[in-house]
């Protein structure tokens, strides 16, 4: 969730837009799940796009931006081919990677920092769960970017049959928030890479933030 002004203008970044309805907001976990799913859905729509290969060879850079319902509708009008990720009340859409300096004006003016949603009353559970380091006290936007990193990293390394089974079940993603000690213990059983943040916003460089856990069938 790095501010684009801190990036190399030529660096490819994947924009992910999270719909925020102040009158009837989703829970934070619904938002985190929707954003993570949106990131990989965008990739799976066009995996042969060479921009994805270049983007993945850099740092999986993402920019999670928030939009009110009116602005979110405008984003969908601008990118009608992109599929929307829906989890409960949350909606998010991921776009293909773009140079940091070349984001469309509509996207560039959407806010990055300060995104916050209310905590969930119930645990969002699925066979594929993203585990987040609760001790870092990340904002919704920061946690969403880390969740998306973790899910994408899992997708690129998981056995093809595991990914296919997940997609066949409509790609559900659960969310867990664990204190540091529990997070570190469980990370030894992670189904994919444990994500370390570059430390450009909110948290210290090298902080471990998220990973995917796969529940046995």
N, C-alpha and C. Protein backbone atom coordinates (compact mmCIF):
# COMPACT_ATOMS: atom_id res chain seq x y z
N UNK A 1 0.83 -1.19 0.00
CA UNK A 1 0.00 0.00 0.00
C UNK A 1 0.87 1.25 0.00
N UNK A 2 1.97 1.18 -0.71
CA UNK A 2 2.91 2.28 -0.74
C UNK A 2 2.35 3.45 -1.54
N UNK A 3 2.57 4.65 -1.06
CA UNK A 3 2.21 5.82 -1.83
C UNK A 3 3.00 5.81 -3.12
N UNK A 4 2.35 6.13 -4.26
CA UNK A 4 3.01 6.05 -5.54
C UNK A 4 4.11 7.07 -5.69
N UNK A 5 4.04 8.16 -4.96
CA UNK A 5 5.12 9.14 -5.07
C UNK A 5 6.44 8.59 -4.53
N UNK A 6 6.39 7.52 -3.76
CA UNK A 6 7.60 6.91 -3.22
C UNK A 6 8.17 5.86 -4.16
N UNK A 7 7.52 5.60 -5.26
CA UNK A 7 7.94 4.55 -6.16
C UNK A 7 8.74 5.11 -7.33
N UNK A 8 9.50 4.23 -7.97
CA UNK A 8 10.07 4.53 -9.28
C UNK A 8 8.91 4.71 -10.25
N UNK A 9 8.86 5.81 -10.99
CA UNK A 9 7.74 6.05 -11.89
C UNK A 9 7.50 4.93 -12.89
N UNK A 10 8.56 4.19 -13.23
CA UNK A 10 8.40 3.11 -14.18
C UNK A 10 8.02 1.78 -13.56
N UNK A 11 8.00 1.71 -12.23
CA UNK A 11 7.66 0.46 -11.56
C UNK A 11 6.20 0.10 -11.82
N UNK A 12 5.97 -1.16 -12.12
CA UNK A 12 4.59 -1.60 -12.34
C UNK A 12 3.90 -1.83 -11.00
N UNK A 13 2.66 -1.37 -10.91
CA UNK A 13 1.89 -1.52 -9.68
C UNK A 13 0.50 -2.01 -10.05
N UNK A 14 -0.03 -2.90 -9.25
CA UNK A 14 -1.40 -3.36 -9.48
C UNK A 14 -2.37 -2.56 -8.63
N UNK A 15 -3.24 -1.75 -9.24
CA UNK A 15 -4.26 -1.04 -8.47
C UNK A 15 -5.41 -2.00 -8.09
N UNK A 16 -5.85 -1.92 -6.86
CA UNK A 16 -7.03 -2.66 -6.40
C UNK A 16 -7.95 -1.65 -5.73
N UNK A 17 -9.19 -1.61 -6.18
CA UNK A 17 -10.13 -0.62 -5.69
C UNK A 17 -11.15 -1.30 -4.77
N UNK A 18 -11.25 -0.80 -3.55
CA UNK A 18 -12.19 -1.33 -2.55
C UNK A 18 -13.34 -0.37 -2.39
N UNK A 19 -14.54 -0.87 -2.57
CA UNK A 19 -15.75 -0.05 -2.41
C UNK A 19 -16.01 0.15 -0.92
N UNK A 20 -16.13 1.39 -0.51
CA UNK A 20 -16.42 1.73 0.89
C UNK A 20 -17.74 2.48 0.95
N UNK A 21 -18.73 1.85 1.55
CA UNK A 21 -20.05 2.48 1.72
C UNK A 21 -20.16 2.93 3.17
N UNK A 22 -20.04 4.22 3.41
CA UNK A 22 -20.07 4.73 4.78
C UNK A 22 -21.40 4.50 5.46
N UNK A 23 -22.47 4.45 4.69
CA UNK A 23 -23.80 4.25 5.27
C UNK A 23 -24.04 2.80 5.68
N UNK A 24 -23.46 1.88 4.94
CA UNK A 24 -23.67 0.46 5.22
C UNK A 24 -22.37 -0.29 4.91
N UNK A 25 -21.35 -0.09 5.74
CA UNK A 25 -20.03 -0.67 5.44
C UNK A 25 -19.98 -2.18 5.64
N UNK A 26 -19.09 -2.81 4.89
CA UNK A 26 -18.81 -4.22 5.12
C UNK A 26 -17.95 -4.33 6.38
N UNK A 27 -17.73 -5.54 6.84
CA UNK A 27 -16.77 -5.74 7.92
C UNK A 27 -15.37 -5.64 7.35
N UNK A 28 -14.39 -5.44 8.23
CA UNK A 28 -13.00 -5.39 7.76
C UNK A 28 -12.60 -6.70 7.10
N UNK A 29 -12.96 -7.82 7.70
CA UNK A 29 -12.54 -9.10 7.14
C UNK A 29 -13.15 -9.35 5.77
N UNK A 30 -14.40 -8.94 5.57
CA UNK A 30 -15.00 -9.05 4.24
C UNK A 30 -14.20 -8.22 3.24
N UNK A 31 -13.80 -7.02 3.64
CA UNK A 31 -13.01 -6.17 2.77
C UNK A 31 -11.66 -6.77 2.44
N UNK A 32 -10.99 -7.34 3.45
CA UNK A 32 -9.68 -7.96 3.24
C UNK A 32 -9.79 -9.14 2.28
N UNK A 33 -10.80 -9.96 2.48
CA UNK A 33 -11.01 -11.11 1.62
C UNK A 33 -11.32 -10.68 0.19
N UNK A 34 -12.18 -9.67 0.04
CA UNK A 34 -12.55 -9.19 -1.29
C UNK A 34 -11.36 -8.64 -2.04
N UNK A 35 -10.50 -7.89 -1.35
CA UNK A 35 -9.32 -7.32 -2.00
C UNK A 35 -8.35 -8.41 -2.42
N UNK A 36 -8.08 -9.36 -1.54
CA UNK A 36 -7.15 -10.45 -1.87
C UNK A 36 -7.66 -11.24 -3.08
N UNK A 37 -8.95 -11.55 -3.09
CA UNK A 37 -9.53 -12.28 -4.21
C UNK A 37 -9.46 -11.45 -5.49
N UNK A 38 -9.72 -10.14 -5.38
CA UNK A 38 -9.69 -9.27 -6.55
C UNK A 38 -8.31 -9.26 -7.21
N UNK A 39 -7.26 -9.30 -6.37
CA UNK A 39 -5.90 -9.27 -6.90
C UNK A 39 -5.63 -10.47 -7.79
N UNK A 40 -6.02 -11.66 -7.33
CA UNK A 40 -5.72 -12.86 -8.12
C UNK A 40 -6.73 -13.07 -9.25
N UNK A 41 -7.97 -12.62 -9.07
CA UNK A 41 -8.96 -12.72 -10.14
C UNK A 41 -8.49 -11.92 -11.35
N UNK A 42 -7.94 -10.73 -11.11
CA UNK A 42 -7.45 -9.91 -12.21
C UNK A 42 -6.34 -10.64 -12.97
N UNK A 43 -5.45 -11.29 -12.23
CA UNK A 43 -4.37 -12.04 -12.87
C UNK A 43 -4.92 -13.22 -13.66
N UNK A 44 -5.85 -13.97 -13.08
CA UNK A 44 -6.36 -15.17 -13.73
C UNK A 44 -7.20 -14.86 -14.96
N UNK A 45 -7.68 -13.62 -15.09
CA UNK A 45 -8.41 -13.23 -16.29
C UNK A 45 -7.49 -13.13 -17.50
N UNK A 46 -6.21 -12.84 -17.27
CA UNK A 46 -5.29 -12.64 -18.39
C UNK A 46 -3.86 -12.98 -17.97
N UNK A 47 -3.59 -14.23 -17.59
CA UNK A 47 -2.27 -14.59 -17.04
C UNK A 47 -1.13 -14.49 -18.06
N UNK A 48 -1.47 -14.48 -19.35
CA UNK A 48 -0.42 -14.41 -20.38
C UNK A 48 0.03 -12.98 -20.68
N UNK A 49 -0.63 -12.00 -20.09
CA UNK A 49 -0.23 -10.61 -20.28
C UNK A 49 1.21 -10.45 -19.79
N UNK A 50 2.14 -10.02 -20.65
CA UNK A 50 3.55 -9.92 -20.24
C UNK A 50 3.78 -8.95 -19.09
N UNK A 51 2.86 -8.01 -18.90
CA UNK A 51 3.01 -7.07 -17.78
C UNK A 51 2.96 -7.79 -16.44
N UNK A 52 2.18 -8.89 -16.37
CA UNK A 52 2.11 -9.65 -15.13
C UNK A 52 3.46 -10.28 -14.80
N UNK A 53 4.14 -10.77 -15.84
CA UNK A 53 5.43 -11.42 -15.62
C UNK A 53 6.45 -10.40 -15.13
N UNK A 54 6.45 -9.22 -15.74
CA UNK A 54 7.38 -8.17 -15.31
C UNK A 54 7.05 -7.73 -13.89
N UNK A 55 5.77 -7.55 -13.61
CA UNK A 55 5.32 -7.12 -12.28
C UNK A 55 5.74 -8.13 -11.20
N UNK A 56 5.54 -9.41 -11.50
CA UNK A 56 5.86 -10.46 -10.53
C UNK A 56 7.37 -10.56 -10.30
N UNK A 57 8.15 -10.16 -11.28
CA UNK A 57 9.61 -10.23 -11.12
C UNK A 57 10.15 -9.07 -10.29
N UNK A 58 9.30 -8.08 -10.00
CA UNK A 58 9.72 -6.93 -9.20
C UNK A 58 9.36 -7.18 -7.73
N UNK A 59 8.29 -6.61 -7.26
CA UNK A 59 7.97 -6.76 -5.82
C UNK A 59 6.49 -6.96 -5.56
N UNK A 60 5.73 -7.47 -6.55
CA UNK A 60 4.29 -7.66 -6.37
C UNK A 60 3.64 -6.36 -5.87
N UNK A 61 4.08 -5.22 -6.38
CA UNK A 61 3.62 -3.93 -5.86
C UNK A 61 2.12 -3.75 -6.08
N UNK A 62 1.43 -3.37 -5.02
CA UNK A 62 -0.01 -3.15 -5.08
C UNK A 62 -0.37 -1.80 -4.48
N UNK A 63 -1.44 -1.22 -4.96
CA UNK A 63 -1.96 0.03 -4.42
C UNK A 63 -3.45 -0.18 -4.15
N UNK A 64 -3.80 -0.36 -2.87
CA UNK A 64 -5.19 -0.57 -2.50
C UNK A 64 -5.82 0.80 -2.25
N UNK A 65 -6.79 1.14 -3.07
CA UNK A 65 -7.43 2.45 -3.00
C UNK A 65 -8.91 2.29 -2.67
N UNK A 66 -9.47 3.27 -2.00
CA UNK A 66 -10.88 3.18 -1.64
C UNK A 66 -11.72 4.11 -2.52
N UNK A 67 -12.96 3.68 -2.75
CA UNK A 67 -13.88 4.47 -3.57
C UNK A 67 -15.27 4.38 -2.97
N UNK A 68 -15.96 5.51 -2.93
CA UNK A 68 -17.36 5.46 -2.51
C UNK A 68 -18.18 4.78 -3.61
N UNK A 69 -19.44 4.42 -3.35
CA UNK A 69 -20.21 3.67 -4.35
C UNK A 69 -20.27 4.36 -5.72
N UNK A 70 -20.39 5.68 -5.74
CA UNK A 70 -20.46 6.40 -7.03
C UNK A 70 -19.15 6.27 -7.79
N UNK A 71 -18.03 6.47 -7.11
CA UNK A 71 -16.74 6.38 -7.77
C UNK A 71 -16.41 4.94 -8.17
N UNK A 72 -16.83 4.00 -7.34
CA UNK A 72 -16.60 2.59 -7.67
C UNK A 72 -17.33 2.23 -8.97
N UNK A 73 -18.54 2.73 -9.12
CA UNK A 73 -19.29 2.49 -10.36
C UNK A 73 -18.57 3.08 -11.56
N UNK A 74 -17.95 4.23 -11.39
CA UNK A 74 -17.19 4.85 -12.48
C UNK A 74 -15.98 4.02 -12.86
N UNK A 75 -15.32 3.43 -11.84
CA UNK A 75 -14.18 2.56 -12.12
C UNK A 75 -14.63 1.36 -12.96
N UNK A 76 -15.77 0.77 -12.61
CA UNK A 76 -16.28 -0.38 -13.35
C UNK A 76 -16.66 0.01 -14.78
N UNK A 77 -17.15 1.24 -14.95
CA UNK A 77 -17.46 1.71 -16.30
C UNK A 77 -16.18 1.86 -17.14
N UNK A 78 -15.10 2.28 -16.49
CA UNK A 78 -13.83 2.47 -17.19
C UNK A 78 -13.16 1.13 -17.52
N UNK A 79 -13.38 0.12 -16.64
CA UNK A 79 -12.77 -1.19 -16.83
C UNK A 79 -13.86 -2.27 -16.81
N UNK A 80 -14.75 -2.25 -17.82
CA UNK A 80 -15.90 -3.17 -17.79
C UNK A 80 -15.53 -4.64 -17.90
N UNK A 81 -14.31 -4.93 -18.39
CA UNK A 81 -13.90 -6.33 -18.56
C UNK A 81 -13.42 -6.97 -17.26
N UNK A 82 -13.18 -6.14 -16.23
CA UNK A 82 -12.65 -6.68 -14.98
C UNK A 82 -13.76 -7.23 -14.08
N UNK A 83 -13.54 -8.41 -13.55
CA UNK A 83 -14.53 -9.04 -12.69
C UNK A 83 -14.47 -8.47 -11.28
N UNK A 84 -15.63 -8.32 -10.67
CA UNK A 84 -15.73 -7.80 -9.31
C UNK A 84 -15.67 -8.95 -8.31
N UNK A 85 -14.88 -8.78 -7.27
CA UNK A 85 -14.81 -9.73 -6.16
C UNK A 85 -15.78 -9.29 -5.08
N UNK A 86 -16.70 -10.16 -4.71
CA UNK A 86 -17.70 -9.85 -3.69
C UNK A 86 -17.61 -10.84 -2.54
N UNK A 87 -17.51 -10.29 -1.34
CA UNK A 87 -17.51 -11.11 -0.12
C UNK A 87 -18.42 -10.41 0.88
N UNK A 88 -19.57 -11.01 1.17
CA UNK A 88 -20.54 -10.35 2.04
C UNK A 88 -20.94 -9.01 1.43
N UNK A 89 -20.79 -7.94 2.20
CA UNK A 89 -21.12 -6.60 1.72
C UNK A 89 -19.97 -5.94 0.95
N UNK A 90 -18.80 -6.57 0.97
CA UNK A 90 -17.62 -5.95 0.37
C UNK A 90 -17.53 -6.23 -1.13
N UNK A 91 -17.05 -5.23 -1.85
CA UNK A 91 -16.77 -5.37 -3.27
C UNK A 91 -15.41 -4.76 -3.56
N UNK A 92 -14.66 -5.43 -4.42
CA UNK A 92 -13.35 -4.91 -4.83
C UNK A 92 -13.09 -5.34 -6.27
N UNK A 93 -12.29 -4.57 -6.96
CA UNK A 93 -11.91 -4.94 -8.33
C UNK A 93 -10.41 -4.71 -8.49
N UNK A 94 -9.73 -5.70 -9.06
CA UNK A 94 -8.31 -5.58 -9.33
C UNK A 94 -8.09 -5.25 -10.79
N UNK A 95 -7.07 -4.47 -11.08
CA UNK A 95 -6.72 -4.10 -12.44
C UNK A 95 -5.38 -4.73 -12.81
N UNK A 96 -5.07 -4.83 -14.09
CA UNK A 96 -3.75 -5.31 -14.50
C UNK A 96 -2.68 -4.32 -14.06
N UNK A 97 -1.43 -4.74 -13.96
CA UNK A 97 -0.35 -3.83 -13.56
C UNK A 97 -0.19 -2.67 -14.54
N UNK A 98 0.12 -1.51 -13.98
CA UNK A 98 0.35 -0.30 -14.76
C UNK A 98 1.58 0.41 -14.21
N UNK A 99 2.30 1.17 -15.05
CA UNK A 99 3.40 1.97 -14.51
C UNK A 99 2.89 2.94 -13.45
N UNK A 100 3.62 3.08 -12.36
CA UNK A 100 3.17 3.92 -11.25
C UNK A 100 2.82 5.33 -11.68
N UNK A 101 3.53 5.84 -12.69
CA UNK A 101 3.31 7.22 -13.12
C UNK A 101 2.19 7.36 -14.14
N UNK A 102 1.61 6.24 -14.57
CA UNK A 102 0.63 6.29 -15.66
C UNK A 102 -0.77 5.83 -15.25
N UNK A 103 -1.08 5.89 -13.98
CA UNK A 103 -2.43 5.52 -13.57
C UNK A 103 -3.44 6.49 -14.17
N UNK A 104 -4.60 5.99 -14.63
CA UNK A 104 -5.65 6.90 -15.09
C UNK A 104 -6.02 7.89 -13.99
N UNK A 105 -6.39 9.10 -14.37
CA UNK A 105 -6.70 10.14 -13.39
C UNK A 105 -7.77 9.69 -12.40
N UNK A 106 -8.76 8.97 -12.90
CA UNK A 106 -9.84 8.51 -12.03
C UNK A 106 -9.29 7.64 -10.90
N UNK A 107 -8.33 6.76 -11.22
CA UNK A 107 -7.74 5.88 -10.23
C UNK A 107 -6.78 6.63 -9.33
N UNK A 108 -5.96 7.50 -9.94
CA UNK A 108 -4.91 8.20 -9.19
C UNK A 108 -5.48 9.09 -8.09
N UNK A 109 -6.67 9.62 -8.29
CA UNK A 109 -7.22 10.53 -7.28
C UNK A 109 -7.94 9.82 -6.14
N UNK A 110 -8.08 8.50 -6.24
CA UNK A 110 -8.69 7.75 -5.14
C UNK A 110 -7.68 7.62 -4.00
N UNK A 111 -8.16 7.72 -2.77
CA UNK A 111 -7.28 7.73 -1.60
C UNK A 111 -6.69 6.35 -1.31
N UNK A 112 -5.42 6.37 -0.86
CA UNK A 112 -4.72 5.15 -0.48
C UNK A 112 -4.70 5.01 1.04
N UNK A 113 -4.19 6.02 1.72
CA UNK A 113 -4.01 5.93 3.17
C UNK A 113 -5.31 6.19 3.93
N UNK A 114 -5.36 5.67 5.15
CA UNK A 114 -6.49 5.96 6.03
C UNK A 114 -7.71 5.08 5.84
N UNK A 115 -7.61 4.05 5.01
CA UNK A 115 -8.77 3.18 4.79
C UNK A 115 -9.00 2.31 6.03
N UNK A 116 -10.22 2.38 6.56
CA UNK A 116 -10.54 1.62 7.77
C UNK A 116 -11.98 1.12 7.69
N UNK A 117 -12.20 -0.12 8.05
CA UNK A 117 -13.52 -0.71 8.12
C UNK A 117 -13.75 -1.28 9.52
N UNK A 118 -15.00 -1.43 9.94
CA UNK A 118 -15.28 -1.96 11.28
C UNK A 118 -14.86 -3.42 11.43
N UNK A 119 -14.40 -3.76 12.62
CA UNK A 119 -13.98 -5.14 12.89
C UNK A 119 -15.17 -6.09 12.77
N UNK A 120 -14.87 -7.31 12.39
CA UNK A 120 -15.92 -8.31 12.19
C UNK A 120 -16.41 -8.85 13.53
N UNK A 121 -17.71 -9.17 13.60
CA UNK A 121 -18.28 -9.81 14.78
C UNK A 121 -18.07 -11.32 14.75
N UNK A 122 -17.98 -11.87 13.53
CA UNK A 122 -17.82 -13.32 13.37
C UNK A 122 -16.57 -13.60 12.55
N UNK A 123 -16.01 -14.78 12.76
CA UNK A 123 -14.81 -15.19 12.02
C UNK A 123 -15.22 -15.58 10.60
N UNK A 124 -14.48 -15.06 9.63
CA UNK A 124 -14.69 -15.41 8.22
C UNK A 124 -13.79 -16.61 7.92
N UNK A 125 -14.40 -17.78 7.73
CA UNK A 125 -13.63 -19.02 7.64
C UNK A 125 -13.80 -19.65 6.26
N UNK A 126 -12.72 -20.28 5.77
CA UNK A 126 -12.75 -20.98 4.50
C UNK A 126 -11.64 -22.01 4.49
N UNK A 127 -11.58 -22.84 3.44
CA UNK A 127 -10.49 -23.81 3.34
C UNK A 127 -9.16 -23.10 3.16
N UNK A 128 -9.18 -21.99 2.41
CA UNK A 128 -7.99 -21.16 2.25
C UNK A 128 -8.17 -19.94 3.15
N UNK A 129 -7.28 -19.80 4.13
CA UNK A 129 -7.35 -18.68 5.07
C UNK A 129 -6.08 -17.86 5.00
N UNK A 130 -6.22 -16.55 5.02
CA UNK A 130 -5.08 -15.65 5.11
C UNK A 130 -4.90 -15.28 6.58
N UNK A 131 -3.72 -15.54 7.09
CA UNK A 131 -3.40 -15.24 8.49
C UNK A 131 -2.61 -13.94 8.54
N UNK A 132 -3.09 -12.99 9.32
CA UNK A 132 -2.46 -11.67 9.43
C UNK A 132 -1.86 -11.47 10.82
N UNK A 133 -0.76 -10.76 10.87
CA UNK A 133 -0.07 -10.47 12.12
C UNK A 133 -0.78 -9.33 12.85
N UNK A 134 -1.63 -9.71 13.79
CA UNK A 134 -2.45 -8.74 14.52
C UNK A 134 -1.60 -7.75 15.30
N UNK A 135 -0.42 -8.16 15.73
CA UNK A 135 0.44 -7.32 16.56
C UNK A 135 0.90 -6.06 15.84
N UNK A 136 0.85 -6.05 14.51
CA UNK A 136 1.32 -4.88 13.75
C UNK A 136 0.28 -3.77 13.71
N UNK A 137 -0.97 -4.07 14.09
CA UNK A 137 -2.03 -3.06 14.14
C UNK A 137 -2.13 -2.30 12.82
N UNK A 138 -2.20 -3.04 11.72
CA UNK A 138 -2.28 -2.42 10.39
C UNK A 138 -3.67 -1.85 10.12
N UNK A 139 -3.72 -0.78 9.36
CA UNK A 139 -5.00 -0.25 8.90
C UNK A 139 -5.65 -1.27 7.97
N UNK A 140 -6.93 -1.08 7.68
CA UNK A 140 -7.61 -1.98 6.74
C UNK A 140 -6.91 -1.99 5.40
N UNK A 141 -6.53 -0.82 4.91
CA UNK A 141 -5.88 -0.75 3.61
C UNK A 141 -4.54 -1.45 3.58
N UNK A 142 -3.74 -1.26 4.61
CA UNK A 142 -2.43 -1.91 4.68
C UNK A 142 -2.60 -3.42 4.79
N UNK A 143 -3.50 -3.86 5.67
CA UNK A 143 -3.74 -5.29 5.84
C UNK A 143 -4.26 -5.91 4.55
N UNK A 144 -5.08 -5.16 3.81
CA UNK A 144 -5.62 -5.67 2.55
C UNK A 144 -4.51 -5.92 1.54
N UNK A 145 -3.56 -4.99 1.45
CA UNK A 145 -2.44 -5.16 0.54
C UNK A 145 -1.61 -6.38 0.92
N UNK A 146 -1.38 -6.58 2.22
CA UNK A 146 -0.60 -7.73 2.68
C UNK A 146 -1.35 -9.04 2.42
N UNK A 147 -2.66 -9.02 2.63
CA UNK A 147 -3.47 -10.21 2.34
C UNK A 147 -3.40 -10.56 0.87
N UNK A 148 -3.45 -9.54 0.01
CA UNK A 148 -3.35 -9.77 -1.43
C UNK A 148 -1.98 -10.32 -1.80
N UNK A 149 -0.92 -9.79 -1.18
CA UNK A 149 0.43 -10.34 -1.41
C UNK A 149 0.46 -11.83 -1.09
N UNK A 150 -0.08 -12.18 0.08
CA UNK A 150 -0.01 -13.56 0.55
C UNK A 150 -0.78 -14.50 -0.38
N UNK A 151 -1.99 -14.09 -0.79
CA UNK A 151 -2.79 -14.96 -1.63
C UNK A 151 -2.15 -15.13 -3.00
N UNK A 152 -1.61 -14.04 -3.55
CA UNK A 152 -0.97 -14.14 -4.86
C UNK A 152 0.27 -15.04 -4.79
N UNK A 153 1.05 -14.88 -3.72
CA UNK A 153 2.25 -15.70 -3.57
C UNK A 153 1.88 -17.18 -3.44
N UNK A 154 0.81 -17.46 -2.69
CA UNK A 154 0.33 -18.85 -2.58
C UNK A 154 -0.09 -19.37 -3.94
N UNK A 155 -0.84 -18.57 -4.71
CA UNK A 155 -1.34 -18.99 -6.01
C UNK A 155 -0.20 -19.39 -6.95
N UNK A 156 0.89 -18.64 -6.92
CA UNK A 156 1.99 -18.90 -7.85
C UNK A 156 2.82 -20.12 -7.47
N UNK A 157 2.70 -20.59 -6.23
CA UNK A 157 3.52 -21.72 -5.78
C UNK A 157 2.73 -22.97 -5.44
N UNK A 158 1.41 -22.85 -5.32
CA UNK A 158 0.59 -24.00 -4.93
C UNK A 158 0.48 -25.01 -6.07
N UNK A 159 0.29 -26.30 -5.74
CA UNK A 159 0.06 -27.30 -6.78
C UNK A 159 -1.16 -26.93 -7.63
N UNK A 160 -1.08 -27.19 -8.90
CA UNK A 160 -2.16 -26.82 -9.83
C UNK A 160 -3.50 -27.39 -9.40
N UNK A 161 -3.47 -28.63 -8.88
CA UNK A 161 -4.75 -29.25 -8.48
C UNK A 161 -5.36 -28.54 -7.27
N UNK A 162 -4.53 -28.00 -6.39
CA UNK A 162 -5.04 -27.27 -5.23
C UNK A 162 -5.70 -25.97 -5.67
N UNK A 163 -5.06 -25.27 -6.59
CA UNK A 163 -5.62 -24.03 -7.10
C UNK A 163 -6.91 -24.30 -7.85
N UNK A 164 -6.94 -25.35 -8.66
CA UNK A 164 -8.13 -25.67 -9.44
C UNK A 164 -9.30 -26.02 -8.52
N UNK A 165 -9.04 -26.78 -7.47
CA UNK A 165 -10.10 -27.14 -6.52
C UNK A 165 -10.64 -25.89 -5.84
N UNK A 166 -9.75 -24.96 -5.50
CA UNK A 166 -10.16 -23.71 -4.87
C UNK A 166 -11.03 -22.88 -5.80
N UNK A 167 -10.63 -22.80 -7.07
CA UNK A 167 -11.41 -22.04 -8.03
C UNK A 167 -12.76 -22.69 -8.29
N UNK A 168 -12.79 -24.02 -8.33
CA UNK A 168 -14.04 -24.73 -8.55
C UNK A 168 -15.03 -24.50 -7.42
N UNK A 169 -14.52 -24.20 -6.23
CA UNK A 169 -15.39 -23.93 -5.07
C UNK A 169 -15.70 -22.43 -4.94
N UNK A 170 -15.46 -21.66 -6.02
CA UNK A 170 -15.73 -20.23 -6.09
C UNK A 170 -14.74 -19.38 -5.27
N UNK A 171 -13.55 -19.92 -5.07
CA UNK A 171 -12.42 -19.17 -4.51
C UNK A 171 -12.72 -18.45 -3.19
N UNK A 172 -13.25 -19.15 -2.19
CA UNK A 172 -13.49 -18.50 -0.90
C UNK A 172 -12.18 -18.24 -0.16
N UNK A 173 -12.12 -17.15 0.55
CA UNK A 173 -10.92 -16.78 1.32
C UNK A 173 -11.34 -16.34 2.72
N UNK A 174 -10.87 -17.05 3.74
CA UNK A 174 -11.12 -16.65 5.11
C UNK A 174 -10.01 -15.77 5.64
N UNK A 175 -10.23 -15.16 6.79
CA UNK A 175 -9.26 -14.24 7.39
C UNK A 175 -9.07 -14.60 8.86
N UNK A 176 -7.80 -14.60 9.28
CA UNK A 176 -7.47 -14.81 10.68
C UNK A 176 -6.53 -13.69 11.14
N UNK A 177 -6.71 -13.21 12.36
CA UNK A 177 -5.82 -12.22 12.96
C UNK A 177 -5.21 -12.85 14.21
N UNK A 178 -3.90 -13.03 14.22
CA UNK A 178 -3.25 -13.68 15.36
C UNK A 178 -2.17 -12.80 15.97
N UNK A 179 -2.04 -12.82 17.30
CA UNK A 179 -0.93 -12.09 17.93
C UNK A 179 0.41 -12.67 17.48
N UNK A 180 1.47 -11.89 17.66
CA UNK A 180 2.77 -12.24 17.07
C UNK A 180 3.23 -13.67 17.38
N UNK A 181 3.16 -14.08 18.65
CA UNK A 181 3.67 -15.41 19.02
C UNK A 181 2.92 -16.50 18.27
N UNK A 182 1.59 -16.42 18.26
CA UNK A 182 0.79 -17.44 17.57
C UNK A 182 1.01 -17.37 16.06
N UNK A 183 1.12 -16.15 15.54
CA UNK A 183 1.37 -15.95 14.12
C UNK A 183 2.68 -16.64 13.71
N UNK A 184 3.74 -16.40 14.48
CA UNK A 184 5.04 -16.97 14.15
C UNK A 184 5.04 -18.49 14.26
N UNK A 185 4.35 -19.01 15.27
CA UNK A 185 4.28 -20.47 15.41
C UNK A 185 3.55 -21.11 14.24
N UNK A 186 2.40 -20.54 13.87
CA UNK A 186 1.61 -21.12 12.79
C UNK A 186 2.27 -20.93 11.44
N UNK A 187 3.09 -19.89 11.30
CA UNK A 187 3.73 -19.61 10.02
C UNK A 187 4.62 -20.76 9.56
N UNK A 188 5.06 -21.61 10.50
CA UNK A 188 5.90 -22.76 10.14
C UNK A 188 5.11 -23.78 9.32
N UNK A 189 3.77 -23.68 9.38
CA UNK A 189 2.92 -24.59 8.62
C UNK A 189 2.25 -23.88 7.43
N UNK A 190 2.76 -22.73 7.05
CA UNK A 190 2.15 -21.94 5.98
C UNK A 190 2.11 -22.73 4.68
N UNK A 191 1.02 -22.53 3.92
CA UNK A 191 0.86 -23.20 2.63
C UNK A 191 1.60 -22.45 1.52
N UNK A 192 2.08 -21.26 1.81
CA UNK A 192 2.81 -20.46 0.83
C UNK A 192 3.83 -19.59 1.52
N UNK A 193 4.45 -18.68 0.80
CA UNK A 193 5.47 -17.81 1.40
C UNK A 193 4.90 -16.94 2.52
N UNK A 194 5.73 -16.68 3.52
CA UNK A 194 5.38 -15.73 4.57
C UNK A 194 5.84 -14.35 4.08
N UNK A 195 4.91 -13.41 4.06
CA UNK A 195 5.18 -12.10 3.46
C UNK A 195 5.94 -11.19 4.43
N UNK A 196 6.99 -10.58 3.92
CA UNK A 196 7.73 -9.55 4.65
C UNK A 196 7.53 -8.22 3.95
N UNK A 197 7.17 -7.20 4.70
CA UNK A 197 6.86 -5.90 4.11
C UNK A 197 8.13 -5.08 3.88
N UNK A 198 8.09 -4.27 2.83
CA UNK A 198 9.24 -3.42 2.51
C UNK A 198 9.37 -2.24 3.47
N UNK A 199 8.31 -1.96 4.23
CA UNK A 199 8.38 -0.91 5.24
C UNK A 199 8.24 0.50 4.71
N UNK A 200 7.59 0.67 3.58
CA UNK A 200 7.42 2.02 3.03
C UNK A 200 6.31 2.79 3.73
N UNK A 201 5.34 2.08 4.31
CA UNK A 201 4.25 2.74 5.03
C UNK A 201 3.89 1.94 6.28
N UNK A 202 3.55 2.62 7.33
CA UNK A 202 2.95 2.10 8.56
C UNK A 202 3.85 1.24 9.44
N UNK A 203 4.57 0.28 8.86
CA UNK A 203 5.30 -0.68 9.69
C UNK A 203 6.78 -0.72 9.31
N UNK A 204 7.57 -1.34 10.18
CA UNK A 204 9.02 -1.39 9.99
C UNK A 204 9.40 -2.33 8.84
N UNK A 205 10.45 -2.00 8.08
CA UNK A 205 10.91 -2.88 7.01
C UNK A 205 11.22 -4.28 7.55
N UNK A 206 10.84 -5.28 6.77
CA UNK A 206 11.10 -6.66 7.17
C UNK A 206 10.07 -7.27 8.09
N UNK A 207 9.06 -6.50 8.48
CA UNK A 207 8.00 -7.05 9.34
C UNK A 207 7.27 -8.18 8.62
N UNK A 208 7.06 -9.29 9.33
CA UNK A 208 6.29 -10.38 8.74
C UNK A 208 4.81 -10.07 8.93
N UNK A 209 4.05 -10.14 7.85
CA UNK A 209 2.70 -9.60 7.87
C UNK A 209 1.60 -10.63 7.64
N UNK A 210 1.83 -11.60 6.75
CA UNK A 210 0.72 -12.45 6.34
C UNK A 210 1.22 -13.73 5.68
N UNK A 211 0.38 -14.74 5.72
CA UNK A 211 0.62 -15.98 4.96
C UNK A 211 -0.70 -16.71 4.80
N UNK A 212 -0.69 -17.72 3.93
CA UNK A 212 -1.89 -18.52 3.67
C UNK A 212 -1.78 -19.86 4.39
N UNK A 213 -2.90 -20.25 5.01
CA UNK A 213 -3.04 -21.58 5.59
C UNK A 213 -4.13 -22.33 4.82
N UNK A 214 -3.86 -23.57 4.48
CA UNK A 214 -4.83 -24.39 3.77
C UNK A 214 -5.34 -25.48 4.71
N UNK A 215 -6.63 -25.52 4.93
CA UNK A 215 -7.22 -26.54 5.79
C UNK A 215 -7.35 -27.85 5.04
N UNK A 216 -7.11 -28.93 5.72
CA UNK A 216 -7.23 -30.26 5.11
C UNK A 216 -8.66 -30.51 4.70
N UNK A 217 -8.83 -31.24 3.60
CA UNK A 217 -10.18 -31.55 3.12
C UNK A 217 -10.90 -32.47 4.09
